[in-house]
All heavy atoms as atom14 arrays in JSON, in Angstrom:
{
  "sequence": "NTENMIIDFAKKMTAKGIKPEVECFDKGMIDTAIRLNRKGIIPSPM",
  "atom14_mask": [
    [1, 1, 1, 1, 1, 1, 1, 1, 0, 0, 0, 0, 0, 0],
    [1, 1, 1, 1, 1, 1, 1, 0, 0, 0, 0, 0, 0, 0],
    [1, 1, 1, 1, 1, 1, 1, 1, 1, 0, 0, 0, 0, 0],
    [1, 1, 1, 1, 1, 1, 1, 1, 0, 0, 0, 0, 0, 0],
    [1, 1, 1, 1, 1, 1, 1, 1, 0, 0, 0, 0, 0, 0],
    [1, 1, 1, 1, 1, 1, 1, 1, 0, 0, 0, 0, 0, 0],
    [1, 1, 1, 1, 1, 1, 1, 1, 0, 0, 0, 0, 0, 0],
    [1, 1, 1, 1, 1, 1, 1, 1, 0, 0, 0, 0, 0, 0],
    [1, 1, 1, 1, 1, 1, 1, 1, 1, 1, 1, 0, 0, 0],
    [1, 1, 1, 1, 1, 0, 0, 0, 0, 0, 0, 0, 0, 0],
    [1, 1, 1, 1, 1, 1, 1, 1, 1, 0, 0, 0, 0, 0],
    [1, 1, 1, 1, 1, 1, 1, 1, 1, 0, 0, 0, 0, 0],
    [1, 1, 1, 1, 1, 1, 1, 1, 0, 0, 0, 0, 0, 0],
    [1, 1, 1, 1, 1, 1, 1, 0, 0, 0, 0, 0, 0, 0],
    [1, 1, 1, 1, 1, 0, 0, 0, 0, 0, 0, 0, 0, 0],
    [1, 1, 1, 1, 1, 1, 1, 1, 1, 0, 0, 0, 0, 0],
    [1, 1, 1, 1, 0, 0, 0, 0, 0, 0, 0, 0, 0, 0],
    [1, 1, 1, 1, 1, 1, 1, 1, 0, 0, 0, 0, 0, 0],
    [1, 1, 1, 1, 1, 1, 1, 1, 1, 0, 0, 0, 0, 0],
    [1, 1, 1, 1, 1, 1, 1, 0, 0, 0, 0, 0, 0, 0],
    [1, 1, 1, 1, 1, 1, 1, 1, 1, 0, 0, 0, 0, 0],
    [1, 1, 1, 1, 1, 1, 1, 0, 0, 0, 0, 0, 0, 0],
    [1, 1, 1, 1, 1, 1, 1, 1, 1, 0, 0, 0, 0, 0],
    [1, 1, 1, 1, 1, 1, 0, 0, 0, 0, 0, 0, 0, 0],
    [1, 1, 1, 1, 1, 1, 1, 1, 1, 1, 1, 0, 0, 0],
    [1, 1, 1, 1, 1, 1, 1, 1, 0, 0, 0, 0, 0, 0],
    [1, 1, 1, 1, 1, 1, 1, 1, 1, 0, 0, 0, 0, 0],
    [1, 1, 1, 1, 0, 0, 0, 0, 0, 0, 0, 0, 0, 0],
    [1, 1, 1, 1, 1, 1, 1, 1, 0, 0, 0, 0, 0, 0],
    [1, 1, 1, 1, 1, 1, 1, 1, 0, 0, 0, 0, 0, 0],
    [1, 1, 1, 1, 1, 1, 1, 1, 0, 0, 0, 0, 0, 0],
    [1, 1, 1, 1, 1, 1, 1, 0, 0, 0, 0, 0, 0, 0],
    [1, 1, 1, 1, 1, 0, 0, 0, 0, 0, 0, 0, 0, 0],
    [1, 1, 1, 1, 1, 1, 1, 1, 0, 0, 0, 0, 0, 0],
    [1, 1, 1, 1, 1, 1, 1, 1, 1, 1, 1, 0, 0, 0],
    [1, 1, 1, 1, 1, 1, 1, 1, 0, 0, 0, 0, 0, 0],
    [1, 1, 1, 1, 1, 1, 1, 1, 0, 0, 0, 0, 0, 0],
    [1, 1, 1, 1, 1, 1, 1, 1, 1, 1, 1, 0, 0, 0],
    [1, 1, 1, 1, 1, 1, 1, 1, 1, 0, 0, 0, 0, 0],
    [1, 1, 1, 1, 0, 0, 0, 0, 0, 0, 0, 0, 0, 0],
    [1, 1, 1, 1, 1, 1, 1, 1, 0, 0, 0, 0, 0, 0],
    [1, 1, 1, 1, 1, 1, 1, 1, 0, 0, 0, 0, 0, 0],
    [1, 1, 1, 1, 1, 1, 1, 0, 0, 0, 0, 0, 0, 0],
    [1, 1, 1, 1, 1, 1, 0, 0, 0, 0, 0, 0, 0, 0],
    [1, 1, 1, 1, 1, 1, 1, 0, 0, 0, 0, 0, 0, 0],
    [1, 1, 1, 1, 1, 1, 1, 1, 0, 0, 0, 0, 0, 0]
  ],
  "atom14_positions": [
    [[282.5, 148.8, 97.36], [282.42, 148.22, 95.97], [281.0, 147.67, 95.74], [280.76, 146.46, 95.98], [283.51, 147.13, 95.87], [284.86, 147.56, 95.98], [285.51, 148.15, 95.11], [285.44, 147.34, 97.16], [0.0, 0.0, 0.0], [0.0, 0.0, 0.0], [0.0, 0.0, 0.0], [0.0, 0.0, 0.0], [0.0, 0.0, 0.0], [0.0, 0.0, 0.0]],
    [[280.16, 148.58, 95.24], [278.81, 148.12, 94.94], [278.81, 147.17, 93.73], [279.78, 147.21, 92.94], [277.82, 149.29, 94.64], [278.24, 149.94, 93.5], [277.88, 150.33, 95.77], [0.0, 0.0, 0.0], [0.0, 0.0, 0.0], [0.0, 0.0, 0.0], [0.0, 0.0, 0.0], [0.0, 0.0, 0.0], [0.0, 0.0, 0.0], [0.0, 0.0, 0.0]],
    [[277.69, 146.47, 93.53], [277.64, 145.64, 92.35], [277.8, 146.44, 91.04], [278.47, 146.04, 90.17], [276.33, 144.84, 92.33], [276.26, 143.8, 91.15], [275.07, 142.95, 91.19], [273.95, 143.45, 91.27], [275.26, 141.72, 91.16], [0.0, 0.0, 0.0], [0.0, 0.0, 0.0], [0.0, 0.0, 0.0], [0.0, 0.0, 0.0], [0.0, 0.0, 0.0]],
    [[277.14, 147.6, 90.98], [277.23, 148.37, 89.71], [278.74, 148.88, 89.52], [279.16, 148.92, 88.4], [276.3, 149.58, 89.85], [274.86, 149.16, 89.52], [274.58, 148.11, 89.01], [273.86, 150.0, 89.95], [0.0, 0.0, 0.0], [0.0, 0.0, 0.0], [0.0, 0.0, 0.0], [0.0, 0.0, 0.0], [0.0, 0.0, 0.0], [0.0, 0.0, 0.0]],
    [[279.34, 149.21, 90.59], [280.8, 149.55, 90.45], [281.6, 148.43, 89.98], [282.48, 148.59, 89.09], [281.38, 149.99, 91.87], [280.92, 151.34, 92.39], [281.4, 151.67, 94.05], [283.18, 151.58, 93.94], [0.0, 0.0, 0.0], [0.0, 0.0, 0.0], [0.0, 0.0, 0.0], [0.0, 0.0, 0.0], [0.0, 0.0, 0.0], [0.0, 0.0, 0.0]],
    [[281.37, 147.21, 90.52], [282.13, 146.02, 90.07], [281.94, 145.78, 88.6], [282.85, 145.54, 87.81], [281.76, 144.84, 90.9], [282.1, 145.03, 92.44], [282.47, 143.52, 90.39], [281.35, 144.07, 93.33], [0.0, 0.0, 0.0], [0.0, 0.0, 0.0], [0.0, 0.0, 0.0], [0.0, 0.0, 0.0], [0.0, 0.0, 0.0], [0.0, 0.0, 0.0]],
    [[280.67, 145.84, 88.19], [280.34, 145.62, 86.72], [280.98, 146.68, 85.92], [281.58, 146.35, 84.83], [278.79, 145.68, 86.58], [278.14, 144.42, 87.23], [278.41, 145.8, 85.08], [276.66, 144.52, 87.31], [0.0, 0.0, 0.0], [0.0, 0.0, 0.0], [0.0, 0.0, 0.0], [0.0, 0.0, 0.0], [0.0, 0.0, 0.0], [0.0, 0.0, 0.0]],
    [[280.97, 147.97, 86.3], [281.6, 149.02, 85.52], [283.08, 148.75, 85.43], [283.63, 148.94, 84.34], [281.31, 150.37, 86.17], [281.88, 151.58, 85.44], [281.69, 151.68, 84.24], [282.54, 152.37, 86.09], [0.0, 0.0, 0.0], [0.0, 0.0, 0.0], [0.0, 0.0, 0.0], [0.0, 0.0, 0.0], [0.0, 0.0, 0.0], [0.0, 0.0, 0.0]],
    [[283.7, 148.52, 86.58], [285.18, 148.33, 86.55], [285.56, 147.12, 85.63], [286.49, 147.15, 84.83], [285.71, 148.0, 87.94], [285.88, 149.27, 88.77], [285.07, 150.37, 88.7], [286.89, 149.29, 89.76], [285.22, 151.43, 89.54], [287.08, 150.39, 90.59], [286.23, 151.47, 90.43], [0.0, 0.0, 0.0], [0.0, 0.0, 0.0], [0.0, 0.0, 0.0]],
    [[284.74, 145.96, 85.71], [285.09, 144.81, 84.96], [284.91, 145.03, 83.45], [285.77, 144.61, 82.67], [284.15, 143.68, 85.46], [0.0, 0.0, 0.0], [0.0, 0.0, 0.0], [0.0, 0.0, 0.0], [0.0, 0.0, 0.0], [0.0, 0.0, 0.0], [0.0, 0.0, 0.0], [0.0, 0.0, 0.0], [0.0, 0.0, 0.0], [0.0, 0.0, 0.0]],
    [[283.87, 145.76, 83.15], [283.6, 146.04, 81.68], [284.72, 146.88, 81.07], [285.16, 146.69, 80.0], [282.24, 146.66, 81.52], [281.08, 145.73, 81.7], [279.75, 146.46, 81.44], [278.59, 145.48, 81.43], [277.3, 146.13, 81.17], [0.0, 0.0, 0.0], [0.0, 0.0, 0.0], [0.0, 0.0, 0.0], [0.0, 0.0, 0.0], [0.0, 0.0, 0.0]],
    [[285.11, 147.9, 81.81], [286.21, 148.71, 81.34], [287.52, 148.0, 81.25], [288.32, 148.29, 80.35], [286.33, 150.0, 82.21], [285.13, 150.98, 81.99], [285.15, 152.14, 82.99], [283.97, 153.07, 82.63], [283.82, 154.19, 83.64], [0.0, 0.0, 0.0], [0.0, 0.0, 0.0], [0.0, 0.0, 0.0], [0.0, 0.0, 0.0], [0.0, 0.0, 0.0]],
    [[287.82, 147.16, 82.18], [289.03, 146.3, 82.11], [289.05, 145.42, 80.89], [290.0, 145.41, 80.08], [289.23, 145.55, 83.42], [289.64, 146.34, 84.56], [289.92, 145.24, 86.0], [289.7, 146.44, 87.34], [0.0, 0.0, 0.0], [0.0, 0.0, 0.0], [0.0, 0.0, 0.0], [0.0, 0.0, 0.0], [0.0, 0.0, 0.0], [0.0, 0.0, 0.0]],
    [[287.99, 144.66, 80.76], [287.92, 143.67, 79.69], [287.83, 144.29, 78.3], [288.4, 143.71, 77.41], [286.73, 142.66, 79.93], [285.55, 143.41, 80.05], [286.93, 141.88, 81.19], [0.0, 0.0, 0.0], [0.0, 0.0, 0.0], [0.0, 0.0, 0.0], [0.0, 0.0, 0.0], [0.0, 0.0, 0.0], [0.0, 0.0, 0.0], [0.0, 0.0, 0.0]],
    [[287.29, 145.48, 78.27], [287.23, 146.19, 76.97], [288.67, 146.55, 76.46], [288.94, 146.67, 75.23], [286.37, 147.44, 77.06], [0.0, 0.0, 0.0], [0.0, 0.0, 0.0], [0.0, 0.0, 0.0], [0.0, 0.0, 0.0], [0.0, 0.0, 0.0], [0.0, 0.0, 0.0], [0.0, 0.0, 0.0], [0.0, 0.0, 0.0], [0.0, 0.0, 0.0]],
    [[289.6, 146.72, 77.4], [291.0, 147.03, 77.13], [291.82, 145.78, 77.06], [293.04, 145.91, 76.88], [291.55, 148.0, 78.14], [291.0, 149.41, 78.02], [291.56, 150.28, 79.14], [291.35, 151.7, 78.83], [292.31, 152.25, 77.8], [0.0, 0.0, 0.0], [0.0, 0.0, 0.0], [0.0, 0.0, 0.0], [0.0, 0.0, 0.0], [0.0, 0.0, 0.0]],
    [[291.23, 144.61, 77.3], [292.09, 143.33, 77.3], [292.89, 143.19, 78.56], [293.88, 142.45, 78.57], [0.0, 0.0, 0.0], [0.0, 0.0, 0.0], [0.0, 0.0, 0.0], [0.0, 0.0, 0.0], [0.0, 0.0, 0.0], [0.0, 0.0, 0.0], [0.0, 0.0, 0.0], [0.0, 0.0, 0.0], [0.0, 0.0, 0.0], [0.0, 0.0, 0.0]],
    [[292.49, 143.91, 79.66], [293.19, 143.77, 80.9], [292.65, 142.65, 81.69], [291.4, 142.56, 81.93], [293.09, 145.12, 81.72], [293.66, 146.26, 80.94], [293.7, 144.95, 83.06], [293.3, 147.57, 81.44], [0.0, 0.0, 0.0], [0.0, 0.0, 0.0], [0.0, 0.0, 0.0], [0.0, 0.0, 0.0], [0.0, 0.0, 0.0], [0.0, 0.0, 0.0]],
    [[293.43, 141.69, 82.17], [292.87, 140.57, 82.97], [292.6, 141.02, 84.38], [293.48, 141.48, 85.09], [293.88, 139.41, 82.95], [293.24, 138.13, 83.66], [294.23, 136.95, 83.64], [293.67, 135.73, 84.29], [292.69, 135.07, 83.46], [0.0, 0.0, 0.0], [0.0, 0.0, 0.0], [0.0, 0.0, 0.0], [0.0, 0.0, 0.0], [0.0, 0.0, 0.0]],
    [[291.36, 140.9, 84.87], [291.07, 141.26, 86.27], [291.59, 140.21, 87.2], [291.48, 138.97, 86.96], [289.54, 141.26, 86.34], [289.03, 141.13, 84.88], [290.14, 140.48, 84.14], [0.0, 0.0, 0.0], [0.0, 0.0, 0.0], [0.0, 0.0, 0.0], [0.0, 0.0, 0.0], [0.0, 0.0, 0.0], [0.0, 0.0, 0.0], [0.0, 0.0, 0.0]],
    [[292.28, 140.59, 88.27], [292.51, 139.69, 89.37], [291.37, 139.91, 90.39], [291.23, 141.07, 90.9], [293.89, 140.0, 90.02], [294.08, 139.04, 91.22], [295.37, 139.33, 91.98], [295.48, 140.27, 92.67], [296.28, 138.46, 91.82], [0.0, 0.0, 0.0], [0.0, 0.0, 0.0], [0.0, 0.0, 0.0], [0.0, 0.0, 0.0], [0.0, 0.0, 0.0]],
    [[290.58, 138.92, 90.52], [289.38, 139.08, 91.29], [289.71, 139.0, 92.82], [290.03, 137.9, 93.38], [288.39, 137.97, 90.97], [287.11, 138.01, 91.82], [287.98, 138.06, 89.48], [0.0, 0.0, 0.0], [0.0, 0.0, 0.0], [0.0, 0.0, 0.0], [0.0, 0.0, 0.0], [0.0, 0.0, 0.0], [0.0, 0.0, 0.0], [0.0, 0.0, 0.0]],
    [[289.67, 140.17, 93.51], [290.07, 140.15, 94.92], [288.85, 139.91, 95.81], [287.85, 140.6, 95.69], [290.69, 141.54, 95.28], [292.05, 141.71, 94.77], [292.88, 142.73, 95.55], [292.29, 143.47, 96.33], [294.12, 142.75, 95.38], [0.0, 0.0, 0.0], [0.0, 0.0, 0.0], [0.0, 0.0, 0.0], [0.0, 0.0, 0.0], [0.0, 0.0, 0.0]],
    [[288.97, 138.98, 96.64], [287.85, 138.49, 97.55], [288.35, 138.48, 98.94], [289.27, 137.8, 99.29], [287.4, 137.14, 97.1], [286.74, 137.05, 95.4], [0.0, 0.0, 0.0], [0.0, 0.0, 0.0], [0.0, 0.0, 0.0], [0.0, 0.0, 0.0], [0.0, 0.0, 0.0], [0.0, 0.0, 0.0], [0.0, 0.0, 0.0], [0.0, 0.0, 0.0]],
    [[287.56, 139.17, 99.82], [287.88, 139.25, 101.24], [286.94, 138.36, 101.99], [287.04, 138.24, 103.18], [287.68, 140.66, 101.73], [288.65, 141.68, 101.14], [288.35, 142.27, 99.87], [289.83, 142.04, 101.76], [289.17, 143.2, 99.23], [290.68, 142.94, 101.14], [290.39, 143.47, 99.93], [0.0, 0.0, 0.0], [0.0, 0.0, 0.0], [0.0, 0.0, 0.0]],
    [[285.94, 137.76, 101.31], [285.01, 136.86, 101.88], [284.31, 135.97, 100.85], [284.41, 136.27, 99.68], [283.95, 137.7, 102.72], [283.54, 137.05, 104.0], [283.59, 135.86, 104.08], [283.08, 137.77, 104.87], [0.0, 0.0, 0.0], [0.0, 0.0, 0.0], [0.0, 0.0, 0.0], [0.0, 0.0, 0.0], [0.0, 0.0, 0.0], [0.0, 0.0, 0.0]],
    [[283.6, 134.99, 101.34], [282.99, 133.98, 100.4], [281.96, 134.68, 99.51], [281.8, 134.39, 98.31], [282.32, 132.91, 101.21], [281.34, 131.97, 100.45], [282.0, 131.2, 99.34], [281.11, 130.03, 98.94], [279.78, 130.39, 98.51], [0.0, 0.0, 0.0], [0.0, 0.0, 0.0], [0.0, 0.0, 0.0], [0.0, 0.0, 0.0], [0.0, 0.0, 0.0]],
    [[281.16, 135.64, 100.01], [280.16, 136.31, 99.21], [280.71, 137.01, 97.94], [280.04, 137.17, 96.93], [0.0, 0.0, 0.0], [0.0, 0.0, 0.0], [0.0, 0.0, 0.0], [0.0, 0.0, 0.0], [0.0, 0.0, 0.0], [0.0, 0.0, 0.0], [0.0, 0.0, 0.0], [0.0, 0.0, 0.0], [0.0, 0.0, 0.0], [0.0, 0.0, 0.0]],
    [[281.97, 137.44, 98.07], [282.57, 138.1, 96.97], [282.94, 137.1, 95.86], [282.87, 137.51, 94.66], [283.87, 138.87, 97.41], [283.59, 139.85, 98.42], [285.1, 140.83, 98.91], [284.5, 141.76, 100.32], [0.0, 0.0, 0.0], [0.0, 0.0, 0.0], [0.0, 0.0, 0.0], [0.0, 0.0, 0.0], [0.0, 0.0, 0.0], [0.0, 0.0, 0.0]],
    [[283.23, 135.87, 96.16], [283.47, 134.83, 95.23], [282.14, 134.65, 94.46], [282.11, 134.51, 93.31], [283.91, 133.52, 95.91], [285.29, 133.73, 96.49], [283.91, 132.39, 94.84], [285.77, 132.51, 97.29], [0.0, 0.0, 0.0], [0.0, 0.0, 0.0], [0.0, 0.0, 0.0], [0.0, 0.0, 0.0], [0.0, 0.0, 0.0], [0.0, 0.0, 0.0]],
    [[281.01, 134.54, 95.22], [279.68, 134.33, 94.59], [279.36, 135.48, 93.66], [278.77, 135.19, 92.58], [278.64, 134.22, 95.71], [278.91, 133.01, 96.6], [279.52, 132.0, 96.21], [278.41, 133.07, 97.78], [0.0, 0.0, 0.0], [0.0, 0.0, 0.0], [0.0, 0.0, 0.0], [0.0, 0.0, 0.0], [0.0, 0.0, 0.0], [0.0, 0.0, 0.0]],
    [[279.66, 136.64, 93.98], [279.46, 137.82, 93.08], [280.22, 137.68, 91.83], [279.65, 137.84, 90.69], [279.83, 139.15, 93.76], [278.98, 139.37, 94.97], [279.72, 140.3, 92.88], [0.0, 0.0, 0.0], [0.0, 0.0, 0.0], [0.0, 0.0, 0.0], [0.0, 0.0, 0.0], [0.0, 0.0, 0.0], [0.0, 0.0, 0.0], [0.0, 0.0, 0.0]],
    [[281.55, 137.25, 91.94], [282.3, 137.08, 90.76], [281.78, 135.96, 89.88], [281.75, 136.1, 88.65], [283.74, 136.79, 91.18], [0.0, 0.0, 0.0], [0.0, 0.0, 0.0], [0.0, 0.0, 0.0], [0.0, 0.0, 0.0], [0.0, 0.0, 0.0], [0.0, 0.0, 0.0], [0.0, 0.0, 0.0], [0.0, 0.0, 0.0], [0.0, 0.0, 0.0]],
    [[281.34, 134.85, 90.45], [280.83, 133.78, 89.72], [279.56, 134.19, 88.95], [279.29, 133.86, 87.78], [280.55, 132.55, 90.58], [281.87, 131.96, 91.09], [279.75, 131.48, 89.85], [281.79, 130.89, 92.11], [0.0, 0.0, 0.0], [0.0, 0.0, 0.0], [0.0, 0.0, 0.0], [0.0, 0.0, 0.0], [0.0, 0.0, 0.0], [0.0, 0.0, 0.0]],
    [[278.71, 134.93, 89.63], [277.47, 135.37, 88.95], [277.79, 136.35, 87.82], [277.13, 136.16, 86.75], [276.61, 136.13, 90.05], [275.26, 136.5, 89.5], [274.38, 137.12, 90.58], [274.79, 138.34, 91.13], [275.34, 138.54, 92.32], [275.48, 137.48, 93.11], [275.75, 139.72, 92.7], [0.0, 0.0, 0.0], [0.0, 0.0, 0.0], [0.0, 0.0, 0.0]],
    [[278.76, 137.22, 88.02], [279.09, 138.14, 86.89], [279.82, 137.4, 85.76], [279.69, 137.72, 84.58], [279.97, 139.33, 87.44], [279.22, 140.17, 88.46], [280.12, 141.3, 88.85], [277.91, 140.73, 87.9], [0.0, 0.0, 0.0], [0.0, 0.0, 0.0], [0.0, 0.0, 0.0], [0.0, 0.0, 0.0], [0.0, 0.0, 0.0], [0.0, 0.0, 0.0]],
    [[280.54, 136.36, 86.13], [281.17, 135.52, 85.11], [280.17, 134.77, 84.28], [280.33, 134.74, 83.03], [282.13, 134.5, 85.84], [282.65, 133.45, 84.86], [282.23, 132.27, 84.92], [283.61, 133.79, 84.07], [0.0, 0.0, 0.0], [0.0, 0.0, 0.0], [0.0, 0.0, 0.0], [0.0, 0.0, 0.0], [0.0, 0.0, 0.0], [0.0, 0.0, 0.0]],
    [[279.13, 134.31, 84.89], [278.1, 133.62, 84.13], [277.34, 134.57, 83.18], [276.8, 134.13, 82.19], [277.06, 132.98, 85.12], [277.65, 131.7, 85.76], [276.8, 131.13, 86.91], [277.34, 129.99, 87.51], [276.91, 129.53, 88.66], [275.96, 130.07, 89.4], [277.46, 128.44, 89.13], [0.0, 0.0, 0.0], [0.0, 0.0, 0.0], [0.0, 0.0, 0.0]],
    [[277.34, 135.85, 83.61], [276.69, 136.82, 82.71], [277.58, 137.38, 81.57], [277.25, 138.21, 80.86], [276.18, 138.03, 83.54], [274.97, 137.62, 84.49], [274.62, 138.89, 85.31], [273.37, 138.55, 86.18], [272.97, 139.74, 86.91], [0.0, 0.0, 0.0], [0.0, 0.0, 0.0], [0.0, 0.0, 0.0], [0.0, 0.0, 0.0], [0.0, 0.0, 0.0]],
    [[278.86, 136.89, 81.58], [279.86, 137.31, 80.67], [280.53, 138.61, 80.97], [281.26, 139.14, 80.14], [0.0, 0.0, 0.0], [0.0, 0.0, 0.0], [0.0, 0.0, 0.0], [0.0, 0.0, 0.0], [0.0, 0.0, 0.0], [0.0, 0.0, 0.0], [0.0, 0.0, 0.0], [0.0, 0.0, 0.0], [0.0, 0.0, 0.0], [0.0, 0.0, 0.0]],
    [[280.35, 139.09, 82.15], [280.97, 140.36, 82.55], [282.4, 140.22, 83.02], [283.25, 141.08, 82.64], [280.09, 141.06, 83.61], [278.73, 141.42, 83.07], [280.84, 142.31, 84.21], [277.72, 141.76, 84.13], [0.0, 0.0, 0.0], [0.0, 0.0, 0.0], [0.0, 0.0, 0.0], [0.0, 0.0, 0.0], [0.0, 0.0, 0.0], [0.0, 0.0, 0.0]],
    [[282.72, 139.14, 83.7], [284.09, 138.81, 84.05], [284.4, 137.57, 83.27], [283.76, 136.53, 83.35], [284.22, 138.5, 85.57], [283.87, 139.71, 86.48], [285.68, 138.09, 85.9], [283.85, 139.47, 87.89], [0.0, 0.0, 0.0], [0.0, 0.0, 0.0], [0.0, 0.0, 0.0], [0.0, 0.0, 0.0], [0.0, 0.0, 0.0], [0.0, 0.0, 0.0]],
    [[285.43, 137.61, 82.45], [285.79, 136.59, 81.56], [286.41, 135.37, 82.19], [286.97, 135.46, 83.3], [286.72, 137.17, 80.48], [287.34, 138.3, 81.22], [286.33, 138.8, 82.17], [0.0, 0.0, 0.0], [0.0, 0.0, 0.0], [0.0, 0.0, 0.0], [0.0, 0.0, 0.0], [0.0, 0.0, 0.0], [0.0, 0.0, 0.0], [0.0, 0.0, 0.0]],
    [[286.2, 134.2, 81.6], [286.91, 132.93, 82.03], [288.18, 132.86, 81.33], [288.36, 133.3, 80.19], [285.99, 131.73, 81.73], [284.8, 131.79, 82.44], [0.0, 0.0, 0.0], [0.0, 0.0, 0.0], [0.0, 0.0, 0.0], [0.0, 0.0, 0.0], [0.0, 0.0, 0.0], [0.0, 0.0, 0.0], [0.0, 0.0, 0.0], [0.0, 0.0, 0.0]],
    [[289.2, 132.12, 81.88], [289.19, 131.63, 83.23], [289.48, 132.74, 84.22], [290.29, 133.63, 83.91], [290.27, 130.55, 83.28], [291.25, 131.07, 82.17], [290.45, 131.66, 81.14], [0.0, 0.0, 0.0], [0.0, 0.0, 0.0], [0.0, 0.0, 0.0], [0.0, 0.0, 0.0], [0.0, 0.0, 0.0], [0.0, 0.0, 0.0], [0.0, 0.0, 0.0]],
    [[288.92, 132.69, 85.41], [289.06, 133.82, 86.41], [290.37, 133.47, 87.2], [290.67, 132.28, 87.41], [287.89, 133.87, 87.28], [286.73, 134.49, 86.58], [285.29, 134.85, 87.76], [284.68, 133.26, 88.02], [0.0, 0.0, 0.0], [0.0, 0.0, 0.0], [0.0, 0.0, 0.0], [0.0, 0.0, 0.0], [0.0, 0.0, 0.0], [0.0, 0.0, 0.0]]
  ]
}
């Protein structure tokens, strides 16, 4: 799951009004989600 893949998946889900469940197997994945949330790519509340 590269960063570009995550961005692409998130944009396609949110464009359809689908709520992403952010799956995290480690702490760094949380940090990635938070960074993308701050950029508006993953909507709040997560």
